[in-house]
N, C-alpha and C. Protein backbone atom coordinates (compact mmCIF):
# COMPACT_ATOMS: atom_id res chain seq x y z
N MET A 1 -2.81 -17.12 -0.79
CA MET A 1 -2.72 -15.75 -0.32
C MET A 1 -4.13 -15.21 -0.10
N LEU A 2 -4.36 -14.62 1.04
CA LEU A 2 -5.66 -14.05 1.38
C LEU A 2 -5.66 -12.59 0.98
N LEU A 3 -6.62 -12.20 0.15
CA LEU A 3 -6.73 -10.81 -0.28
C LEU A 3 -7.95 -10.16 0.37
N LEU A 4 -7.84 -8.88 0.61
CA LEU A 4 -8.97 -8.12 1.15
C LEU A 4 -10.05 -7.95 0.08
N ARG A 5 -11.28 -7.78 0.54
CA ARG A 5 -12.35 -7.44 -0.41
C ARG A 5 -12.02 -6.09 -1.02
N ILE A 6 -12.41 -5.89 -2.28
CA ILE A 6 -12.09 -4.64 -2.98
C ILE A 6 -12.66 -3.43 -2.24
N GLU A 7 -13.83 -3.59 -1.62
CA GLU A 7 -14.42 -2.47 -0.87
C GLU A 7 -13.52 -2.08 0.31
N THR A 8 -12.93 -3.08 0.94
CA THR A 8 -12.04 -2.81 2.07
C THR A 8 -10.76 -2.13 1.59
N VAL A 9 -10.21 -2.62 0.49
CA VAL A 9 -9.00 -2.01 -0.08
C VAL A 9 -9.25 -0.54 -0.38
N GLU A 10 -10.36 -0.25 -1.05
CA GLU A 10 -10.67 1.13 -1.43
C GLU A 10 -10.88 2.01 -0.19
N SER A 11 -11.55 1.49 0.81
CA SER A 11 -11.82 2.25 2.03
C SER A 11 -10.52 2.57 2.77
N VAL A 12 -9.70 1.56 2.99
CA VAL A 12 -8.42 1.77 3.70
C VAL A 12 -7.51 2.69 2.90
N ALA A 13 -7.41 2.47 1.60
CA ALA A 13 -6.56 3.30 0.75
C ALA A 13 -7.01 4.76 0.78
N GLY A 14 -8.31 4.97 0.79
CA GLY A 14 -8.84 6.34 0.85
C GLY A 14 -8.47 7.03 2.15
N MET A 15 -8.60 6.31 3.26
CA MET A 15 -8.23 6.90 4.56
C MET A 15 -6.74 7.21 4.62
N LEU A 16 -5.92 6.30 4.11
CA LEU A 16 -4.47 6.54 4.13
C LEU A 16 -4.09 7.70 3.23
N LYS A 17 -4.78 7.85 2.09
CA LYS A 17 -4.51 8.97 1.19
C LYS A 17 -4.84 10.30 1.87
N GLU A 18 -5.94 10.34 2.60
CA GLU A 18 -6.30 11.56 3.31
C GLU A 18 -5.22 11.95 4.31
N LEU A 19 -4.72 10.97 5.04
CA LEU A 19 -3.64 11.24 5.99
C LEU A 19 -2.39 11.71 5.28
N ASN A 20 -2.06 11.06 4.16
CA ASN A 20 -0.87 11.45 3.40
C ASN A 20 -1.02 12.85 2.83
N ASP A 21 -2.23 13.20 2.39
CA ASP A 21 -2.48 14.55 1.88
C ASP A 21 -2.27 15.62 2.94
N GLU A 22 -2.38 15.22 4.22
CA GLU A 22 -2.15 16.13 5.33
C GLU A 22 -0.67 16.20 5.70
N GLY A 23 0.17 15.46 4.97
CA GLY A 23 1.61 15.52 5.20
C GLY A 23 2.16 14.38 6.03
N ILE A 24 1.33 13.40 6.35
CA ILE A 24 1.77 12.27 7.16
C ILE A 24 2.36 11.20 6.23
N THR A 25 3.54 10.72 6.56
CA THR A 25 4.18 9.66 5.78
C THR A 25 3.53 8.33 6.13
N ILE A 26 3.20 7.57 5.12
CA ILE A 26 2.55 6.27 5.29
C ILE A 26 3.46 5.20 4.70
N VAL A 27 3.71 4.15 5.46
CA VAL A 27 4.46 2.99 4.97
C VAL A 27 3.54 1.78 5.08
N ILE A 28 3.32 1.10 3.97
CA ILE A 28 2.45 -0.07 3.93
C ILE A 28 3.28 -1.26 3.49
N VAL A 29 3.10 -2.37 4.16
CA VAL A 29 3.71 -3.63 3.72
C VAL A 29 2.54 -4.54 3.34
N THR A 30 2.50 -4.97 2.08
CA THR A 30 1.36 -5.75 1.60
C THR A 30 1.77 -6.75 0.53
N HIS A 31 0.99 -7.78 0.42
CA HIS A 31 1.12 -8.73 -0.68
C HIS A 31 0.01 -8.49 -1.70
N ASP A 32 -0.85 -7.54 -1.42
CA ASP A 32 -2.02 -7.28 -2.27
C ASP A 32 -1.68 -6.21 -3.31
N PRO A 33 -1.57 -6.60 -4.57
CA PRO A 33 -1.22 -5.63 -5.62
C PRO A 33 -2.26 -4.52 -5.78
N ARG A 34 -3.51 -4.79 -5.39
CA ARG A 34 -4.54 -3.74 -5.49
C ARG A 34 -4.27 -2.64 -4.49
N MET A 35 -3.78 -2.98 -3.31
CA MET A 35 -3.43 -1.96 -2.31
C MET A 35 -2.17 -1.23 -2.77
N ALA A 36 -1.19 -1.96 -3.24
CA ALA A 36 0.07 -1.36 -3.70
C ALA A 36 -0.17 -0.37 -4.84
N ALA A 37 -1.20 -0.63 -5.64
CA ALA A 37 -1.49 0.25 -6.78
C ALA A 37 -1.86 1.66 -6.33
N HIS A 38 -2.27 1.84 -5.09
CA HIS A 38 -2.64 3.16 -4.58
C HIS A 38 -1.43 3.96 -4.09
N ALA A 39 -0.29 3.32 -4.01
CA ALA A 39 0.90 3.98 -3.46
C ALA A 39 1.55 4.91 -4.49
N GLY A 40 2.13 5.97 -3.99
CA GLY A 40 2.87 6.88 -4.86
C GLY A 40 4.24 6.32 -5.21
N ARG A 41 4.72 5.39 -4.39
CA ARG A 41 6.03 4.78 -4.61
C ARG A 41 5.97 3.35 -4.07
N VAL A 42 6.53 2.42 -4.82
CA VAL A 42 6.53 1.01 -4.42
C VAL A 42 7.96 0.49 -4.46
N GLU A 43 8.39 -0.11 -3.37
CA GLU A 43 9.68 -0.79 -3.31
C GLU A 43 9.39 -2.27 -3.14
N LYS A 44 10.05 -3.11 -3.87
CA LYS A 44 9.85 -4.55 -3.76
C LYS A 44 11.03 -5.20 -3.05
N LEU A 45 10.73 -6.19 -2.22
CA LEU A 45 11.76 -6.95 -1.54
C LEU A 45 11.96 -8.28 -2.24
N VAL A 46 13.21 -8.65 -2.44
CA VAL A 46 13.58 -9.95 -3.00
C VAL A 46 14.62 -10.54 -2.07
N ALA A 47 14.31 -11.70 -1.52
CA ALA A 47 15.21 -12.37 -0.58
C ALA A 47 15.59 -11.45 0.58
N GLY A 48 14.59 -10.65 1.03
CA GLY A 48 14.81 -9.78 2.18
C GLY A 48 15.55 -8.49 1.91
N LYS A 49 15.82 -8.18 0.65
CA LYS A 49 16.54 -6.95 0.30
C LYS A 49 15.73 -6.16 -0.71
N ILE A 50 15.87 -4.84 -0.66
CA ILE A 50 15.16 -3.99 -1.60
C ILE A 50 15.71 -4.25 -3.00
N ALA A 51 14.82 -4.60 -3.92
CA ALA A 51 15.22 -4.90 -5.31
C ALA A 51 15.45 -3.60 -6.05
N ALA A 52 16.49 -3.57 -6.86
CA ALA A 52 16.83 -2.37 -7.63
C ALA A 52 15.99 -2.27 -8.88
């Protein structure tokens, strides 16, 4: 699995947070747990379905 550099994760997450703070809904699909850690809500997929 290829992960982004931490500087890139922080930069992208910061920009997305600014947009979200302005009321814009952001949906991210990632395999990088460092990026997911910035989300206000995380849904996981298992076998193509949202895990409960």
